[in-house]
Amino acid sequence: MARLIDTAALEVELARFAAERDWDQFHTPRNLILALTGEVGELAEIFQWKTDAQAEAIMAGEQAEHVRQEIADVLLYLMRLAMVLGVDLDAAVRDKIALNAKKYPPL
């Protein structure tokens, strides 16, 4: 089965990036969760109080790149959190998809 995201390569890159900046000391679960929450908030703010049509317009316009960057920030903080906690994110996602498939069978 193909990987959903190349988590191994991403882990290597994130670990290198953090180490080069001496950020490991700050990448505690608490700090990463707070940073992740902040990034989710920034993403939510873009769409807050918008209609579906306005959201589509955002994604068709200049703000689409901002959305893309915020989504990347969310993924990167989530991946770093998983690394710090020792969670195999690829396995966790696959397990959750399988669980959801049992819980919510196709119609």
N, C-alpha and C. Protein backbone atom coordinates (compact mmCIF):
# COMPACT_ATOMS: atom_id res chain seq x y z
N MET A 1 0.85 -1.18 0.00
CA MET A 1 0.00 0.00 0.00
C MET A 1 0.90 1.25 0.00
N ALA A 2 0.58 2.20 -0.81
CA ALA A 2 1.35 3.44 -0.90
C ALA A 2 1.17 4.28 0.36
N ARG A 3 2.21 4.99 0.69
CA ARG A 3 2.13 5.90 1.84
C ARG A 3 1.24 7.07 1.48
N LEU A 4 0.48 7.54 2.42
CA LEU A 4 -0.37 8.71 2.20
C LEU A 4 0.50 9.96 2.12
N ILE A 5 1.45 10.05 3.01
CA ILE A 5 2.45 11.12 3.03
C ILE A 5 3.77 10.43 3.35
N ASP A 6 4.84 10.87 2.74
CA ASP A 6 6.14 10.27 3.03
C ASP A 6 6.59 10.79 4.39
N THR A 7 6.03 10.18 5.43
CA THR A 7 6.30 10.66 6.79
C THR A 7 7.75 10.48 7.19
N ALA A 8 8.40 9.44 6.68
CA ALA A 8 9.80 9.21 7.04
C ALA A 8 10.67 10.37 6.54
N ALA A 9 10.48 10.76 5.30
CA ALA A 9 11.26 11.88 4.75
C ALA A 9 10.91 13.18 5.46
N LEU A 10 9.65 13.37 5.77
CA LEU A 10 9.23 14.59 6.47
C LEU A 10 9.83 14.64 7.86
N GLU A 11 9.86 13.51 8.55
CA GLU A 11 10.46 13.46 9.88
C GLU A 11 11.94 13.86 9.83
N VAL A 12 12.66 13.33 8.86
CA VAL A 12 14.08 13.66 8.71
C VAL A 12 14.26 15.16 8.49
N GLU A 13 13.46 15.72 7.59
CA GLU A 13 13.58 17.14 7.27
C GLU A 13 13.21 18.01 8.48
N LEU A 14 12.14 17.66 9.17
CA LEU A 14 11.74 18.45 10.34
C LEU A 14 12.76 18.34 11.47
N ALA A 15 13.30 17.15 11.68
CA ALA A 15 14.32 16.98 12.72
C ALA A 15 15.56 17.80 12.39
N ARG A 16 15.99 17.78 11.15
CA ARG A 16 17.15 18.57 10.73
C ARG A 16 16.88 20.05 10.92
N PHE A 17 15.72 20.50 10.46
CA PHE A 17 15.35 21.91 10.54
C PHE A 17 15.38 22.39 12.00
N ALA A 18 14.76 21.61 12.89
CA ALA A 18 14.72 21.99 14.31
C ALA A 18 16.11 21.97 14.93
N ALA A 19 16.89 20.94 14.62
CA ALA A 19 18.24 20.82 15.19
C ALA A 19 19.14 21.97 14.75
N GLU A 20 19.06 22.37 13.50
CA GLU A 20 19.89 23.46 13.01
C GLU A 20 19.59 24.78 13.71
N ARG A 21 18.42 24.91 14.26
CA ARG A 21 18.01 26.14 14.93
C ARG A 21 17.99 26.00 16.45
N ASP A 22 18.40 24.82 16.94
CA ASP A 22 18.38 24.51 18.37
C ASP A 22 16.98 24.66 18.96
N TRP A 23 16.00 24.22 18.21
CA TRP A 23 14.60 24.34 18.64
C TRP A 23 14.09 23.13 19.41
N ASP A 24 14.86 22.04 19.44
CA ASP A 24 14.38 20.86 20.15
C ASP A 24 14.01 21.18 21.60
N GLN A 25 14.76 22.09 22.20
CA GLN A 25 14.50 22.47 23.59
C GLN A 25 13.11 23.07 23.77
N PHE A 26 12.57 23.64 22.72
CA PHE A 26 11.25 24.28 22.79
C PHE A 26 10.12 23.37 22.30
N HIS A 27 10.49 22.29 21.62
CA HIS A 27 9.47 21.43 21.02
C HIS A 27 8.97 20.39 22.02
N THR A 28 8.38 20.88 23.08
CA THR A 28 7.72 20.02 24.06
C THR A 28 6.30 19.76 23.58
N PRO A 29 5.67 18.70 24.06
CA PRO A 29 4.28 18.47 23.65
C PRO A 29 3.38 19.68 23.89
N ARG A 30 3.50 20.29 25.05
CA ARG A 30 2.66 21.45 25.36
C ARG A 30 2.87 22.58 24.36
N ASN A 31 4.13 22.93 24.12
CA ASN A 31 4.42 24.03 23.20
C ASN A 31 3.97 23.71 21.78
N LEU A 32 4.16 22.48 21.35
CA LEU A 32 3.74 22.11 20.00
C LEU A 32 2.22 22.11 19.85
N ILE A 33 1.53 21.67 20.90
CA ILE A 33 0.06 21.69 20.86
C ILE A 33 -0.44 23.13 20.80
N LEU A 34 0.17 24.01 21.57
CA LEU A 34 -0.23 25.41 21.54
C LEU A 34 0.05 26.04 20.17
N ALA A 35 1.20 25.73 19.60
CA ALA A 35 1.54 26.24 18.27
C ALA A 35 0.58 25.70 17.22
N LEU A 36 0.26 24.41 17.33
CA LEU A 36 -0.68 23.79 16.40
C LEU A 36 -2.05 24.44 16.51
N THR A 37 -2.49 24.68 17.72
CA THR A 37 -3.78 25.35 17.94
C THR A 37 -3.79 26.74 17.32
N GLY A 38 -2.69 27.46 17.48
CA GLY A 38 -2.59 28.78 16.88
C GLY A 38 -2.68 28.74 15.37
N GLU A 39 -2.01 27.76 14.75
CA GLU A 39 -2.05 27.64 13.29
C GLU A 39 -3.43 27.25 12.80
N VAL A 40 -4.11 26.37 13.53
CA VAL A 40 -5.49 26.02 13.16
C VAL A 40 -6.37 27.26 13.26
N GLY A 41 -6.12 28.08 14.28
CA GLY A 41 -6.87 29.32 14.43
C GLY A 41 -6.63 30.27 13.27
N GLU A 42 -5.38 30.36 12.81
CA GLU A 42 -5.09 31.23 11.67
C GLU A 42 -5.80 30.73 10.41
N LEU A 43 -5.84 29.43 10.24
CA LEU A 43 -6.56 28.86 9.09
C LEU A 43 -8.06 29.11 9.21
N ALA A 44 -8.59 28.90 10.40
CA ALA A 44 -10.02 29.13 10.61
C ALA A 44 -10.41 30.58 10.39
N GLU A 45 -9.53 31.48 10.79
CA GLU A 45 -9.82 32.91 10.66
C GLU A 45 -10.05 33.32 9.21
N ILE A 46 -9.36 32.68 8.30
CA ILE A 46 -9.53 33.01 6.88
C ILE A 46 -10.97 32.76 6.43
N PHE A 47 -11.57 31.72 6.96
CA PHE A 47 -12.90 31.31 6.53
C PHE A 47 -14.02 31.70 7.50
N GLN A 48 -13.65 32.26 8.63
CA GLN A 48 -14.64 32.61 9.64
C GLN A 48 -15.66 33.59 9.08
N TRP A 49 -16.91 33.27 9.31
CA TRP A 49 -18.05 34.10 8.92
C TRP A 49 -18.24 34.20 7.40
N LYS A 50 -17.62 33.31 6.67
CA LYS A 50 -17.76 33.31 5.21
C LYS A 50 -18.82 32.29 4.80
N THR A 51 -19.51 32.60 3.72
CA THR A 51 -20.44 31.63 3.14
C THR A 51 -19.63 30.61 2.33
N ASP A 52 -20.28 29.55 1.90
CA ASP A 52 -19.59 28.58 1.05
C ASP A 52 -19.12 29.22 -0.24
N ALA A 53 -19.94 30.12 -0.78
CA ALA A 53 -19.56 30.81 -2.02
C ALA A 53 -18.33 31.70 -1.79
N GLN A 54 -18.28 32.36 -0.65
CA GLN A 54 -17.12 33.20 -0.34
C GLN A 54 -15.87 32.35 -0.14
N ALA A 55 -16.04 31.18 0.47
CA ALA A 55 -14.91 30.27 0.66
C ALA A 55 -14.38 29.79 -0.69
N GLU A 56 -15.27 29.49 -1.60
CA GLU A 56 -14.85 29.10 -2.95
C GLU A 56 -14.10 30.24 -3.63
N ALA A 57 -14.56 31.46 -3.43
CA ALA A 57 -13.91 32.62 -4.02
C ALA A 57 -12.51 32.81 -3.44
N ILE A 58 -12.36 32.55 -2.15
CA ILE A 58 -11.04 32.64 -1.52
C ILE A 58 -10.09 31.67 -2.20
N MET A 59 -10.55 30.46 -2.44
CA MET A 59 -9.69 29.44 -3.02
C MET A 59 -9.43 29.66 -4.51
N ALA A 60 -10.22 30.50 -5.13
CA ALA A 60 -10.02 30.83 -6.54
C ALA A 60 -9.20 32.11 -6.71
N GLY A 61 -8.92 32.76 -5.60
CA GLY A 61 -8.23 34.06 -5.67
C GLY A 61 -6.84 34.05 -5.07
N GLU A 62 -6.38 35.25 -4.79
CA GLU A 62 -5.03 35.44 -4.27
C GLU A 62 -4.82 34.85 -2.88
N GLN A 63 -5.90 34.72 -2.10
CA GLN A 63 -5.76 34.19 -0.74
C GLN A 63 -5.54 32.68 -0.71
N ALA A 64 -5.69 32.01 -1.83
CA ALA A 64 -5.51 30.55 -1.87
C ALA A 64 -4.11 30.15 -1.40
N GLU A 65 -3.11 30.93 -1.75
CA GLU A 65 -1.74 30.63 -1.32
C GLU A 65 -1.61 30.76 0.19
N HIS A 66 -2.29 31.75 0.78
CA HIS A 66 -2.28 31.90 2.23
C HIS A 66 -2.91 30.66 2.89
N VAL A 67 -4.01 30.19 2.34
CA VAL A 67 -4.67 28.98 2.86
C VAL A 67 -3.70 27.80 2.77
N ARG A 68 -3.06 27.66 1.63
CA ARG A 68 -2.12 26.56 1.41
C ARG A 68 -1.01 26.59 2.45
N GLN A 69 -0.46 27.77 2.73
CA GLN A 69 0.61 27.88 3.71
C GLN A 69 0.14 27.56 5.12
N GLU A 70 -1.07 27.99 5.46
CA GLU A 70 -1.60 27.70 6.80
C GLU A 70 -1.86 26.20 6.96
N ILE A 71 -2.36 25.56 5.92
CA ILE A 71 -2.58 24.11 5.98
C ILE A 71 -1.23 23.40 6.17
N ALA A 72 -0.21 23.86 5.46
CA ALA A 72 1.12 23.27 5.62
C ALA A 72 1.63 23.47 7.05
N ASP A 73 1.42 24.65 7.61
CA ASP A 73 1.84 24.90 9.00
C ASP A 73 1.17 23.92 9.95
N VAL A 74 -0.12 23.70 9.76
CA VAL A 74 -0.87 22.76 10.61
C VAL A 74 -0.26 21.37 10.51
N LEU A 75 -0.01 20.92 9.28
CA LEU A 75 0.55 19.59 9.09
C LEU A 75 1.94 19.47 9.71
N LEU A 76 2.77 20.49 9.53
CA LEU A 76 4.12 20.43 10.06
C LEU A 76 4.14 20.39 11.59
N TYR A 77 3.33 21.20 12.23
CA TYR A 77 3.26 21.14 13.69
C TYR A 77 2.68 19.82 14.17
N LEU A 78 1.69 19.30 13.48
CA LEU A 78 1.12 18.01 13.85
C LEU A 78 2.16 16.90 13.70
N MET A 79 2.91 16.95 12.62
CA MET A 79 3.95 15.95 12.39
C MET A 79 5.03 16.05 13.47
N ARG A 80 5.44 17.24 13.80
CA ARG A 80 6.47 17.42 14.82
C ARG A 80 5.97 16.92 16.18
N LEU A 81 4.70 17.20 16.49
CA LEU A 81 4.10 16.70 17.73
C LEU A 81 4.12 15.17 17.75
N ALA A 82 3.74 14.56 16.66
CA ALA A 82 3.76 13.10 16.59
C ALA A 82 5.18 12.57 16.81
N MET A 83 6.16 13.23 16.22
CA MET A 83 7.55 12.82 16.40
C MET A 83 7.95 12.88 17.87
N VAL A 84 7.65 13.99 18.52
CA VAL A 84 8.03 14.18 19.92
C VAL A 84 7.34 13.15 20.82
N LEU A 85 6.11 12.80 20.49
CA LEU A 85 5.35 11.85 21.30
C LEU A 85 5.61 10.39 20.91
N GLY A 86 6.38 10.18 19.84
CA GLY A 86 6.67 8.81 19.40
C GLY A 86 5.51 8.14 18.70
N VAL A 87 4.66 8.91 18.07
CA VAL A 87 3.51 8.36 17.35
C VAL A 87 3.86 8.19 15.88
N ASP A 88 3.67 6.98 15.35
CA ASP A 88 3.85 6.75 13.92
C ASP A 88 2.59 7.28 13.25
N LEU A 89 2.69 8.47 12.71
CA LEU A 89 1.52 9.14 12.16
C LEU A 89 0.93 8.38 10.98
N ASP A 90 1.78 7.81 10.13
CA ASP A 90 1.28 7.04 9.00
C ASP A 90 0.43 5.86 9.49
N ALA A 91 0.94 5.13 10.47
CA ALA A 91 0.20 3.98 11.02
C ALA A 91 -1.07 4.44 11.73
N ALA A 92 -0.98 5.54 12.47
CA ALA A 92 -2.15 6.04 13.19
C ALA A 92 -3.26 6.43 12.22
N VAL A 93 -2.88 7.09 11.13
CA VAL A 93 -3.88 7.51 10.13
C VAL A 93 -4.50 6.30 9.46
N ARG A 94 -3.68 5.35 9.07
CA ARG A 94 -4.22 4.14 8.44
C ARG A 94 -5.16 3.39 9.39
N ASP A 95 -4.75 3.27 10.65
CA ASP A 95 -5.60 2.59 11.64
C ASP A 95 -6.93 3.32 11.81
N LYS A 96 -6.88 4.63 11.84
CA LYS A 96 -8.10 5.43 12.03
C LYS A 96 -9.02 5.31 10.82
N ILE A 97 -8.45 5.30 9.62
CA ILE A 97 -9.27 5.13 8.42
C ILE A 97 -9.96 3.76 8.45
N ALA A 98 -9.22 2.72 8.85
CA ALA A 98 -9.80 1.38 8.94
C ALA A 98 -10.90 1.33 9.99
N LEU A 99 -10.67 1.96 11.13
CA LEU A 99 -11.68 2.01 12.19
C LEU A 99 -12.94 2.75 11.71
N ASN A 100 -12.74 3.89 11.04
CA ASN A 100 -13.88 4.64 10.52
C ASN A 100 -14.64 3.84 9.45
N ALA A 101 -13.92 3.06 8.66
CA ALA A 101 -14.58 2.25 7.63
C ALA A 101 -15.52 1.22 8.27
N LYS A 102 -15.12 0.68 9.40
CA LYS A 102 -15.99 -0.27 10.13
C LYS A 102 -17.15 0.46 10.80
N LYS A 103 -16.84 1.61 11.37
CA LYS A 103 -17.84 2.38 12.10
C LYS A 103 -18.88 2.99 11.16
N TYR A 104 -18.44 3.40 9.98
CA TYR A 104 -19.31 4.04 9.01
C TYR A 104 -19.23 3.31 7.68
N PRO A 105 -19.91 2.17 7.59
CA PRO A 105 -19.84 1.40 6.33
C PRO A 105 -20.49 2.14 5.18
N PRO A 106 -20.08 1.80 3.95
CA PRO A 106 -20.69 2.47 2.78
C PRO A 106 -22.18 2.18 2.71
N LEU A 107 -22.88 3.08 2.08
CA LEU A 107 -24.35 2.91 1.95
C LEU A 107 -24.68 1.88 0.90
